[in-house]
Protein backbone atom coordinates (compact mmCIF):
# COMPACT_ATOMS: atom_id res chain seq x y z
CA MET A 1 18.56 17.69 17.48
CA THR A 2 16.33 18.53 14.51
CA SER A 3 17.66 15.66 12.38
CA ARG A 4 17.22 13.18 15.28
CA PHE A 5 13.62 14.35 15.73
CA HIS A 6 13.03 14.00 11.99
CA THR A 7 14.42 10.45 12.05
CA ALA A 8 12.19 9.53 14.98
CA GLY A 9 9.24 10.88 12.99
CA LEU A 10 10.24 8.80 9.99
CA ARG A 11 10.57 5.68 12.16
CA GLY A 12 7.10 6.35 13.54
CA GLU A 13 5.68 6.70 10.03
CA LEU A 14 7.35 3.46 8.95
CA THR A 15 5.96 1.64 11.99
CA ARG A 16 2.45 2.97 11.46
CA PHE A 17 2.70 2.23 7.73
CA GLY A 18 3.63 -1.38 8.55
CA ILE A 19 0.79 -1.79 11.04
CA VAL A 20 -1.81 -0.38 8.64
CA GLY A 21 -0.36 -2.52 5.85
CA LEU A 22 -0.61 -5.69 7.94
CA LEU A 23 -4.18 -4.84 8.91
CA ALA A 24 -5.15 -4.17 5.28
CA THR A 25 -3.49 -7.43 4.22
CA ALA A 26 -5.41 -9.37 6.88
CA VAL A 27 -8.67 -7.74 5.79
CA HIS A 28 -7.90 -8.52 2.14
CA ALA A 29 -7.14 -12.18 2.90
CA THR A 30 -10.22 -12.55 5.10
CA ALA A 31 -12.54 -10.92 2.57
CA TYR A 32 -11.09 -12.98 -0.27
CA GLY A 33 -11.41 -16.24 1.66
CA ASP A 34 -14.96 -15.44 2.75
CA LEU A 35 -16.07 -14.51 -0.76
CA VAL A 36 -14.53 -17.60 -2.36
CA VAL A 37 -15.32 -20.21 0.29
CA ARG A 38 -18.62 -19.08 1.80
CA HIS A 39 -20.18 -17.24 -1.11
CA GLY A 40 -18.78 -19.17 -4.09
CA ILE A 41 -17.48 -16.09 -5.89
CA GLY A 42 -14.69 -16.69 -8.41
CA PRO A 43 -11.09 -15.84 -7.51
CA LEU A 44 -10.77 -12.91 -9.91
CA GLN A 45 -13.96 -11.20 -8.70
CA ALA A 46 -13.09 -11.98 -5.07
CA THR A 47 -9.64 -10.44 -5.55
CA GLY A 48 -11.17 -7.25 -6.94
CA ALA A 49 -13.72 -6.97 -4.14
CA ALA A 50 -11.13 -7.75 -1.46
CA PHE A 51 -8.81 -5.10 -2.94
CA VAL A 52 -11.55 -2.47 -2.68
CA VAL A 53 -12.25 -3.31 0.98
CA ALA A 54 -8.55 -3.44 1.90
CA PHE A 55 -7.89 -0.23 -0.02
CA GLY A 56 -10.49 1.56 2.11
CA ILE A 57 -8.80 0.35 5.30
CA SER A 58 -5.37 1.25 3.97
CA PHE A 59 -6.36 4.70 2.73
CA CYS A 60 -8.13 5.68 5.95
CA GLY A 61 -5.35 4.27 8.13
CA HIS A 62 -2.64 6.09 6.25
CA ARG A 63 -4.56 9.35 5.83
CA TYR A 64 -5.73 9.65 9.42
CA TRP A 65 -2.89 7.90 11.28
CA THR A 66 0.32 7.15 9.35
CA PHE A 67 0.55 10.51 7.57
CA ALA A 68 -1.96 12.47 9.67
CA HIS A 69 0.40 15.43 10.02
CA HIS A 70 0.40 15.93 6.24
CA ARG A 71 -2.39 18.27 5.21
CA SER A 72 -3.39 17.12 1.74
CA ALA A 73 -6.86 17.52 0.26
CA PHE A 74 -9.04 14.42 0.64
CA THR A 75 -9.85 13.87 -3.05
CA ALA A 76 -6.30 14.54 -4.19
CA SER A 77 -4.84 12.15 -1.63
CA LEU A 78 -7.48 9.51 -2.46
CA PHE A 79 -6.62 9.45 -6.16
CA ARG A 80 -2.91 9.75 -5.54
CA PHE A 81 -2.95 6.88 -3.05
CA LEU A 82 -5.02 4.79 -5.47
CA THR A 83 -2.36 5.46 -8.09
CA ALA A 84 0.40 4.52 -5.63
CA SER A 85 -1.48 1.31 -4.73
CA LEU A 86 -1.92 0.41 -8.39
CA ILE A 87 1.78 1.04 -9.00
CA GLY A 88 2.43 -1.36 -6.13
CA LEU A 89 0.12 -3.92 -7.74
CA CYS A 90 1.94 -3.53 -11.06
CA SER A 91 5.28 -3.86 -9.25
CA ASN A 92 4.12 -7.14 -7.73
CA ALA A 93 2.99 -8.41 -11.13
CA LEU A 94 6.27 -7.40 -12.77
CA ILE A 95 8.30 -9.08 -10.04
CA ALA A 96 6.23 -12.27 -10.35
CA TRP A 97 6.43 -12.31 -14.15
CA THR A 98 10.18 -11.65 -14.18
CA LEU A 99 11.10 -14.25 -11.59
CA VAL A 100 8.65 -17.01 -12.53
CA ASP A 101 7.88 -16.64 -16.23
CA ALA A 102 11.09 -15.09 -17.55
CA LEU A 103 13.69 -16.60 -15.19
CA HIS A 104 11.78 -19.84 -14.44
CA LEU A 105 12.32 -19.65 -10.69
CA PRO A 106 9.95 -21.40 -8.25
CA PRO A 107 6.47 -19.81 -7.91
CA LEU A 108 7.00 -18.63 -4.33
CA THR A 109 10.23 -16.76 -5.17
CA PRO A 110 8.40 -13.47 -5.98
CA LEU A 111 7.24 -13.21 -2.36
CA ILE A 112 10.72 -12.01 -1.41
CA GLY A 113 10.51 -9.06 -3.81
CA VAL A 114 6.86 -8.42 -3.05
CA LEU A 115 7.60 -8.19 0.68
CA LEU A 116 10.78 -6.14 0.34
CA ILE A 117 10.44 -3.92 -2.73
CA THR A 118 6.77 -3.04 -3.18
CA PRO A 119 6.16 -1.73 0.36
CA VAL A 120 9.15 0.62 -0.01
CA ILE A 121 7.81 1.92 -3.33
CA VAL A 122 4.31 2.47 -1.93
CA PHE A 123 5.65 4.07 1.27
CA LEU A 124 7.78 6.55 -0.67
CA LEU A 125 4.97 7.41 -3.09
CA SER A 126 2.55 7.83 -0.17
CA ARG A 127 4.86 9.93 1.95
CA LEU A 128 6.30 12.13 -0.76
CA TRP A 129 3.29 12.45 -3.06
CA ALA A 130 -0.07 10.92 -2.10
CA PHE A 131 -0.42 12.45 1.37
CA ASN A 132 1.94 15.37 0.99
CA ALA A 133 0.23 18.74 0.83
CA PRO A 134 1.11 20.83 -2.19
CA LYS A 135 3.71 23.46 -1.48
CA THR A 136 2.42 27.02 -1.32
CA VAL A 137 4.32 30.25 -1.72
CA ASP A 138 3.69 33.04 0.75
CA PHE A 139 3.80 36.57 -0.63
């Protein structure tokens, strides 16, 4: 019974993680498009600004909903989740470079890896590290 309950909890976390991720992605795309099209900001600056906005949505969603039962300190989880997000960004860049530049595959090929590999990496880092309260020893 305990393992089935644990699995149901994990499924719930995965579902909430996916919902928050989709929302953050939509916010990122909307902010980027608005900054580039309506405000004439360059793509690099718009990407940075959109990342910051989407990161805020993602962090709050995961801290207060996806992993709400974890009791980690706010500042610690903020910096840990930022690190996890940047690892995800680096993972995306590595996948894109490997498939397009090194293996000369079509430019859209990295989307497969980006959609399948990076979310798993970020989920595991978030669940096991970013939002996980440090273990304490009772005496």
